[in-house]
């Protein structure tokens, strides 16, 4: 999943999108990415795309981020 996002996003964002894709499926997150681009013309950060994804996926990414911060 991580490699699928490498051409579209910065390194800091790739991991968030990879986690979201693992949870919701790559196609669903890709569709959310396109919707965010159509509505805002800037879909370069997870925070811009997250509103277009299911609530479960948004929560999943937040939980993973919290775990990663705790591991540092």
PDB file of N, CA and C in Angstrom:
ATOM      1  N   UNK A   1       0.815  -1.190   0.000  1.00  0.00           N
ATOM      2  CA  UNK A   1       0.000   0.000   0.000  1.00  0.00           C
ATOM      3  C   UNK A   1       0.863   1.260   0.000  1.00  0.00           C
ATOM      4  N   UNK A   2       1.930   1.196   0.749  1.00  0.00           N
ATOM      5  CA  UNK A   2       2.820   2.364   0.853  1.00  0.00           C
ATOM      6  C   UNK A   2       3.354   2.759  -0.519  1.00  0.00           C
ATOM      7  N   UNK A   3       3.774   1.783  -1.296  1.00  0.00           N
ATOM      8  CA  UNK A   3       4.357   2.076  -2.613  1.00  0.00           C
ATOM      9  C   UNK A   3       3.342   2.637  -3.597  1.00  0.00           C
ATOM     10  N   UNK A   4       2.083   2.305  -3.417  1.00  0.00           N
ATOM     11  CA  UNK A   4       1.066   2.807  -4.335  1.00  0.00           C
ATOM     12  C   UNK A   4       0.884   4.320  -4.219  1.00  0.00           C
ATOM     13  N   UNK A   5       1.239   4.885  -3.073  1.00  0.00           N
ATOM     14  CA  UNK A   5       1.044   6.314  -2.849  1.00  0.00           C
ATOM     15  C   UNK A   5       2.315   7.123  -3.058  1.00  0.00           C
ATOM     16  N   UNK A   6       3.442   6.502  -3.316  1.00  0.00           N
ATOM     17  CA  UNK A   6       4.708   7.242  -3.324  1.00  0.00           C
ATOM     18  C   UNK A   6       4.809   8.299  -4.413  1.00  0.00           C
ATOM     19  N   UNK A   7       4.189   8.114  -5.556  1.00  0.00           N
ATOM     20  CA  UNK A   7       4.281   9.108  -6.637  1.00  0.00           C
ATOM     21  C   UNK A   7       3.372  10.305  -6.396  1.00  0.00           C
ATOM     22  N   UNK A   8       2.341  10.130  -5.586  1.00  0.00           N
ATOM     23  CA  UNK A   8       1.337  11.163  -5.414  1.00  0.00           C
ATOM     24  C   UNK A   8       1.566  12.044  -4.194  1.00  0.00           C
ATOM     25  N   UNK A   9       2.329  11.556  -3.213  1.00  0.00           N
ATOM     26  CA  UNK A   9       2.388  12.231  -1.914  1.00  0.00           C
ATOM     27  C   UNK A   9       3.807  12.352  -1.384  1.00  0.00           C
ATOM     28  N   UNK A  10       3.964  13.246  -0.417  1.00  0.00           N
ATOM     29  CA  UNK A  10       5.251  13.363   0.273  1.00  0.00           C
ATOM     30  C   UNK A  10       5.420  12.179   1.225  1.00  0.00           C
ATOM     31  N   UNK A  11       6.642  11.960   1.658  1.00  0.00           N
ATOM     32  CA  UNK A  11       6.917  10.812   2.525  1.00  0.00           C
ATOM     33  C   UNK A  11       6.117  10.839   3.813  1.00  0.00           C
ATOM     34  N   UNK A  12       5.941  12.009   4.387  1.00  0.00           N
ATOM     35  CA  UNK A  12       5.200  12.110   5.634  1.00  0.00           C
ATOM     36  C   UNK A  12       3.741  11.714   5.493  1.00  0.00           C
ATOM     37  N   UNK A  13       3.192  11.877   4.305  1.00  0.00           N
ATOM     38  CA  UNK A  13       1.781  11.560   4.073  1.00  0.00           C
ATOM     39  C   UNK A  13       1.568  10.137   3.581  1.00  0.00           C
ATOM     40  N   UNK A  14       2.560   9.559   2.952  1.00  0.00           N
ATOM     41  CA  UNK A  14       2.411   8.217   2.380  1.00  0.00           C
ATOM     42  C   UNK A  14       1.959   7.195   3.412  1.00  0.00           C
ATOM     43  N   UNK A  15       2.521   7.260   4.590  1.00  0.00           N
ATOM     44  CA  UNK A  15       2.207   6.279   5.625  1.00  0.00           C
ATOM     45  C   UNK A  15       0.754   6.390   6.068  1.00  0.00           C
ATOM     46  N   UNK A  16       0.257   7.599   6.220  1.00  0.00           N
ATOM     47  CA  UNK A  16      -1.144   7.788   6.606  1.00  0.00           C
ATOM     48  C   UNK A  16      -2.077   7.209   5.549  1.00  0.00           C
ATOM     49  N   UNK A  17      -1.770   7.467   4.299  1.00  0.00           N
ATOM     50  CA  UNK A  17      -2.604   6.942   3.217  1.00  0.00           C
ATOM     51  C   UNK A  17      -2.484   5.424   3.103  1.00  0.00           C
ATOM     52  N   UNK A  18      -1.319   4.893   3.389  1.00  0.00           N
ATOM     53  CA  UNK A  18      -1.140   3.445   3.372  1.00  0.00           C
ATOM     54  C   UNK A  18      -1.994   2.795   4.461  1.00  0.00           C
ATOM     55  N   UNK A  19      -1.999   3.369   5.656  1.00  0.00           N
ATOM     56  CA  UNK A  19      -2.838   2.838   6.733  1.00  0.00           C
ATOM     57  C   UNK A  19      -4.313   2.935   6.377  1.00  0.00           C
ATOM     58  N   UNK A  20      -4.716   4.060   5.823  1.00  0.00           N
ATOM     59  CA  UNK A  20      -6.113   4.234   5.415  1.00  0.00           C
ATOM     60  C   UNK A  20      -6.485   3.217   4.339  1.00  0.00           C
ATOM     61  N   UNK A  21      -5.586   2.975   3.397  1.00  0.00           N
ATOM     62  CA  UNK A  21      -5.840   2.014   2.327  1.00  0.00           C
ATOM     63  C   UNK A  21      -5.928   0.599   2.867  1.00  0.00           C
ATOM     64  N   UNK A  22      -5.122   0.294   3.853  1.00  0.00           N
ATOM     65  CA  UNK A  22      -5.187  -1.025   4.487  1.00  0.00           C
ATOM     66  C   UNK A  22      -6.551  -1.218   5.136  1.00  0.00           C
ATOM     67  N   UNK A  23      -7.067  -0.168   5.771  1.00  0.00           N
ATOM     68  CA  UNK A  23      -8.333  -0.265   6.484  1.00  0.00           C
ATOM     69  C   UNK A  23      -9.534  -0.260   5.549  1.00  0.00           C
ATOM     70  N   UNK A  24      -9.579   0.693   4.636  1.00  0.00           N
ATOM     71  CA  UNK A  24     -10.764   0.880   3.800  1.00  0.00           C
ATOM     72  C   UNK A  24     -10.637   0.273   2.409  1.00  0.00           C
ATOM     73  N   UNK A  25      -9.433  -0.034   2.003  1.00  0.00           N
ATOM     74  CA  UNK A  25      -9.189  -0.508   0.643  1.00  0.00           C
ATOM     75  C   UNK A  25      -8.619   0.616  -0.203  1.00  0.00           C
ATOM     76  N   UNK A  26      -7.668   0.263  -1.024  1.00  0.00           N
ATOM     77  CA  UNK A  26      -6.985   1.273  -1.840  1.00  0.00           C
ATOM     78  C   UNK A  26      -7.970   2.040  -2.720  1.00  0.00           C
ATOM     79  N   UNK A  27      -8.891   1.341  -3.371  1.00  0.00           N
ATOM     80  CA  UNK A  27      -9.806   2.014  -4.299  1.00  0.00           C
ATOM     81  C   UNK A  27     -10.684   3.043  -3.596  1.00  0.00           C
ATOM     82  N   UNK A  28     -11.139   2.734  -2.392  1.00  0.00           N
ATOM     83  CA  UNK A  28     -11.983   3.678  -1.667  1.00  0.00           C
ATOM     84  C   UNK A  28     -11.190   4.930  -1.284  1.00  0.00           C
ATOM     85  N   UNK A  29      -9.950   4.754  -0.854  1.00  0.00           N
ATOM     86  CA  UNK A  29      -9.135   5.904  -0.477  1.00  0.00           C
ATOM     87  C   UNK A  29      -8.730   6.695  -1.722  1.00  0.00           C
ATOM     88  N   UNK A  30      -8.457   6.019  -2.804  1.00  0.00           N
ATOM     89  CA  UNK A  30      -8.154   6.690  -4.073  1.00  0.00           C
ATOM     90  C   UNK A  30      -9.348   7.533  -4.523  1.00  0.00           C
ATOM     91  N   UNK A  31     -10.533   6.990  -4.382  1.00  0.00           N
ATOM     92  CA  UNK A  31     -11.753   7.733  -4.740  1.00  0.00           C
ATOM     93  C   UNK A  31     -11.902   8.978  -3.840  1.00  0.00           C
ATOM     94  N   UNK A  32     -11.641   8.828  -2.545  1.00  0.00           N
ATOM     95  CA  UNK A  32     -11.692   9.960  -1.615  1.00  0.00           C
ATOM     96  C   UNK A  32     -10.644  11.008  -2.000  1.00  0.00           C
ATOM     97  N   UNK A  33      -9.473  10.547  -2.407  1.00  0.00           N
ATOM     98  CA  UNK A  33      -8.400  11.437  -2.856  1.00  0.00           C
ATOM     99  C   UNK A  33      -8.868  12.267  -4.051  1.00  0.00           C
ATOM    100  N   UNK A  34      -9.512  11.611  -5.009  1.00  0.00           N
ATOM    101  CA  UNK A  34     -10.021  12.316  -6.193  1.00  0.00           C
ATOM    102  C   UNK A  34     -11.121  13.302  -5.818  1.00  0.00           C
ATOM    103  N   UNK A  35     -12.006  12.897  -4.913  1.00  0.00           N
ATOM    104  CA  UNK A  35     -13.086  13.794  -4.474  1.00  0.00           C
ATOM    105  C   UNK A  35     -12.516  15.033  -3.792  1.00  0.00           C
ATOM    106  N   UNK A  36     -11.507  14.835  -2.969  1.00  0.00           N
ATOM    107  CA  UNK A  36     -10.875  15.968  -2.289  1.00  0.00           C
ATOM    108  C   UNK A  36     -10.228  16.904  -3.298  1.00  0.00           C
ATOM    109  N   UNK A  37      -9.604  16.339  -4.300  1.00  0.00           N
ATOM    110  CA  UNK A  37      -8.980  17.171  -5.347  1.00  0.00           C
ATOM    111  C   UNK A  37     -10.020  17.971  -6.111  1.00  0.00           C
ATOM    112  N   UNK A  38     -11.149  17.347  -6.407  1.00  0.00           N
ATOM    113  CA  UNK A  38     -12.206  18.033  -7.148  1.00  0.00           C
ATOM    114  C   UNK A  38     -12.812  19.169  -6.331  1.00  0.00           C
ATOM    115  N   UNK A  39     -12.920  18.972  -5.037  1.00  0.00           N
ATOM    116  CA  UNK A  39     -13.565  19.988  -4.212  1.00  0.00           C
ATOM    117  C   UNK A  39     -12.613  21.094  -3.763  1.00  0.00           C
ATOM    118  N   UNK A  40     -11.334  20.776  -3.630  1.00  0.00           N
ATOM    119  CA  UNK A  40     -10.395  21.737  -3.057  1.00  0.00           C
ATOM    120  C   UNK A  40      -9.208  22.031  -3.970  1.00  0.00           C
ATOM    121  N   UNK A  41      -8.968  21.195  -4.924  1.00  0.00           N
ATOM    122  CA  UNK A  41      -7.810  21.299  -5.816  1.00  0.00           C
ATOM    123  C   UNK A  41      -6.490  21.035  -5.098  1.00  0.00           C
ATOM    124  N   UNK A  42      -6.529  20.740  -3.816  1.00  0.00           N
ATOM    125  CA  UNK A  42      -5.319  20.382  -3.081  1.00  0.00           C
ATOM    126  C   UNK A  42      -5.629  19.190  -2.200  1.00  0.00           C
ATOM    127  N   UNK A  43      -5.122  18.070  -2.561  1.00  0.00           N
ATOM    128  CA  UNK A  43      -5.297  16.859  -1.761  1.00  0.00           C
ATOM    129  C   UNK A  43      -3.912  16.281  -1.506  1.00  0.00           C
ATOM    130  N   UNK A  44      -3.109  17.044  -0.816  1.00  0.00           N
ATOM    131  CA  UNK A  44      -1.730  16.626  -0.592  1.00  0.00           C
ATOM    132  C   UNK A  44      -1.498  16.125   0.822  1.00  0.00           C
ATOM    133  N   UNK A  45      -2.517  16.234   1.679  1.00  0.00           N
ATOM    134  CA  UNK A  45      -2.374  15.802   3.063  1.00  0.00           C
ATOM    135  C   UNK A  45      -3.567  14.950   3.453  1.00  0.00           C
ATOM    136  N   UNK A  46      -3.329  14.017   4.347  1.00  0.00           N
ATOM    137  CA  UNK A  46      -4.394  13.141   4.822  1.00  0.00           C
ATOM    138  C   UNK A  46      -5.553  13.960   5.389  1.00  0.00           C
ATOM    139  N   UNK A  47      -5.257  15.018   6.096  1.00  0.00           N
ATOM    140  CA  UNK A  47      -6.288  15.836   6.712  1.00  0.00           C
ATOM    141  C   UNK A  47      -7.246  16.446   5.682  1.00  0.00           C
ATOM    142  N   UNK A  48      -6.797  16.642   4.464  1.00  0.00           N
ATOM    143  CA  UNK A  48      -7.652  17.169   3.399  1.00  0.00           C
ATOM    144  C   UNK A  48      -8.522  16.085   2.782  1.00  0.00           C
ATOM    145  N   UNK A  49      -8.062  14.857   2.834  1.00  0.00           N
ATOM    146  CA  UNK A  49      -8.771  13.739   2.218  1.00  0.00           C
ATOM    147  C   UNK A  49      -9.645  12.996   3.230  1.00  0.00           C
ATOM    148  N   UNK A  50      -9.250  13.001   4.478  1.00  0.00           N
ATOM    149  CA  UNK A  50      -9.943  12.238   5.517  1.00  0.00           C
ATOM    150  C   UNK A  50     -11.457  12.467   5.553  1.00  0.00           C
ATOM    151  N   UNK A  51     -11.957  13.701   5.394  1.00  0.00           N
ATOM    152  CA  UNK A  51     -13.418  13.891   5.444  1.00  0.00           C
ATOM    153  C   UNK A  51     -14.188  13.115   4.376  1.00  0.00           C
ATOM    154  N   UNK A  52     -13.509  12.674   3.341  1.00  0.00           N
ATOM    155  CA  UNK A  52     -14.152  11.939   2.261  1.00  0.00           C
ATOM    156  C   UNK A  52     -14.074  10.420   2.467  1.00  0.00           C
ATOM    157  N   UNK A  53     -13.482   9.996   3.568  1.00  0.00           N
ATOM    158  CA  UNK A  53     -13.346   8.570   3.881  1.00  0.00           C
ATOM    159  C   UNK A  53     -14.331   8.190   4.978  1.00  0.00           C
ATOM    160  N   UNK A  54     -14.596   6.899   5.159  1.00  0.00           N
ATOM    161  CA  UNK A  54     -15.509   6.469   6.214  1.00  0.00           C
ATOM    162  C   UNK A  54     -14.967   6.829   7.604  1.00  0.00           C
ATOM    163  N   UNK A  55     -15.856   7.109   8.546  1.00  0.00           N
ATOM    164  CA  UNK A  55     -15.426   7.447   9.911  1.00  0.00           C
ATOM    165  C   UNK A  55     -14.519   6.377  10.531  1.00  0.00           C
ATOM    166  N   UNK A  56     -14.802   5.131  10.250  1.00  0.00           N
ATOM    167  CA  UNK A  56     -13.972   4.043  10.781  1.00  0.00           C
ATOM    168  C   UNK A  56     -12.519   4.184  10.324  1.00  0.00           C
ATOM    169  N   UNK A  57     -12.332   4.565   9.089  1.00  0.00           N
ATOM    170  CA  UNK A  57     -10.976   4.726   8.547  1.00  0.00           C
ATOM    171  C   UNK A  57     -10.277   5.925   9.179  1.00  0.00           C
ATOM    172  N   UNK A  58     -10.981   7.022   9.335  1.00  0.00           N
ATOM    173  CA  UNK A  58     -10.388   8.188   9.990  1.00  0.00           C
ATOM    174  C   UNK A  58      -9.932   7.840  11.405  1.00  0.00           C
ATOM    175  N   UNK A  59     -10.785   7.130  12.139  1.00  0.00           N
ATOM    176  CA  UNK A  59     -10.433   6.727  13.502  1.00  0.00           C
ATOM    177  C   UNK A  59      -9.255   5.764  13.520  1.00  0.00           C
ATOM    178  N   UNK A  60      -9.217   4.857  12.559  1.00  0.00           N
ATOM    179  CA  UNK A  60      -8.120   3.895  12.465  1.00  0.00           C
ATOM    180  C   UNK A  60      -6.788   4.616  12.277  1.00  0.00           C
ATOM    181  N   UNK A  61      -6.743   5.565  11.368  1.00  0.00           N
ATOM    182  CA  UNK A  61      -5.507   6.308  11.108  1.00  0.00           C
ATOM    183  C   UNK A  61      -5.095   7.097  12.354  1.00  0.00           C
ATOM    184  N   UNK A  62      -6.061   7.715  13.035  1.00  0.00           N
ATOM    185  CA  UNK A  62      -5.750   8.448  14.266  1.00  0.00           C
ATOM    186  C   UNK A  62      -5.180   7.530  15.342  1.00  0.00           C
ATOM    187  N   UNK A  63      -5.754   6.336  15.492  1.00  0.00           N
ATOM    188  CA  UNK A  63      -5.252   5.379  16.486  1.00  0.00           C
ATOM    189  C   UNK A  63      -3.829   4.944  16.171  1.00  0.00           C
ATOM    190  N   UNK A  64      -3.558   4.663  14.909  1.00  0.00           N
ATOM    191  CA  UNK A  64      -2.212   4.246  14.503  1.00  0.00           C
ATOM    192  C   UNK A  64      -1.202   5.375  14.759  1.00  0.00           C
ATOM    193  N   UNK A  65      -1.591   6.601  14.429  1.00  0.00           N
ATOM    194  CA  UNK A  65      -0.705   7.742  14.661  1.00  0.00           C
ATOM    195  C   UNK A  65      -0.405   7.886  16.150  1.00  0.00           C
ATOM    196  N   UNK A  66      -1.416   7.727  16.987  1.00  0.00           N
ATOM    197  CA  UNK A  66      -1.210   7.837  18.436  1.00  0.00           C
ATOM    198  C   UNK A  66      -0.267   6.742  18.932  1.00  0.00           C
ATOM    199  N   UNK A  67      -0.429   5.540  18.408  1.00  0.00           N
ATOM    200  CA  UNK A  67       0.464   4.446  18.789  1.00  0.00           C
ATOM    201  C   UNK A  67       1.897   4.720  18.357  1.00  0.00           C
ATOM    202  N   UNK A  68       2.061   5.286  17.170  1.00  0.00           N
ATOM    203  CA  UNK A  68       3.393   5.589  16.671  1.00  0.00           C
ATOM    204  C   UNK A  68       4.061   6.677  17.505  1.00  0.00           C
ATOM    205  N   UNK A  69       3.295   7.669  17.927  1.00  0.00           N
ATOM    206  CA  UNK A  69       3.858   8.728  18.776  1.00  0.00           C
ATOM    207  C   UNK A  69       4.268   8.168  20.123  1.00  0.00           C
ATOM    208  N   UNK A  70       3.477   7.249  20.652  1.00  0.00           N
ATOM    209  CA  UNK A  70       3.793   6.631  21.924  1.00  0.00           C
ATOM    210  C   UNK A  70       5.006   5.739  21.868  1.00  0.00           C
ATOM    211  N   UNK A  71       5.312   5.206  20.693  1.00  0.00           N
ATOM    212  CA  UNK A  71       6.447   4.308  20.532  1.00  0.00           C
ATOM    213  C   UNK A  71       7.770   5.062  20.423  1.00  0.00           C
ATOM    214  N   UNK A  72       7.709   6.351  20.130  1.00  0.00           N
ATOM    215  CA  UNK A  72       8.946   7.126  19.942  1.00  0.00           C
ATOM    216  C   UNK A  72       9.625   7.429  21.218  1.00  0.00           C
TER     217      UNK A  72
END
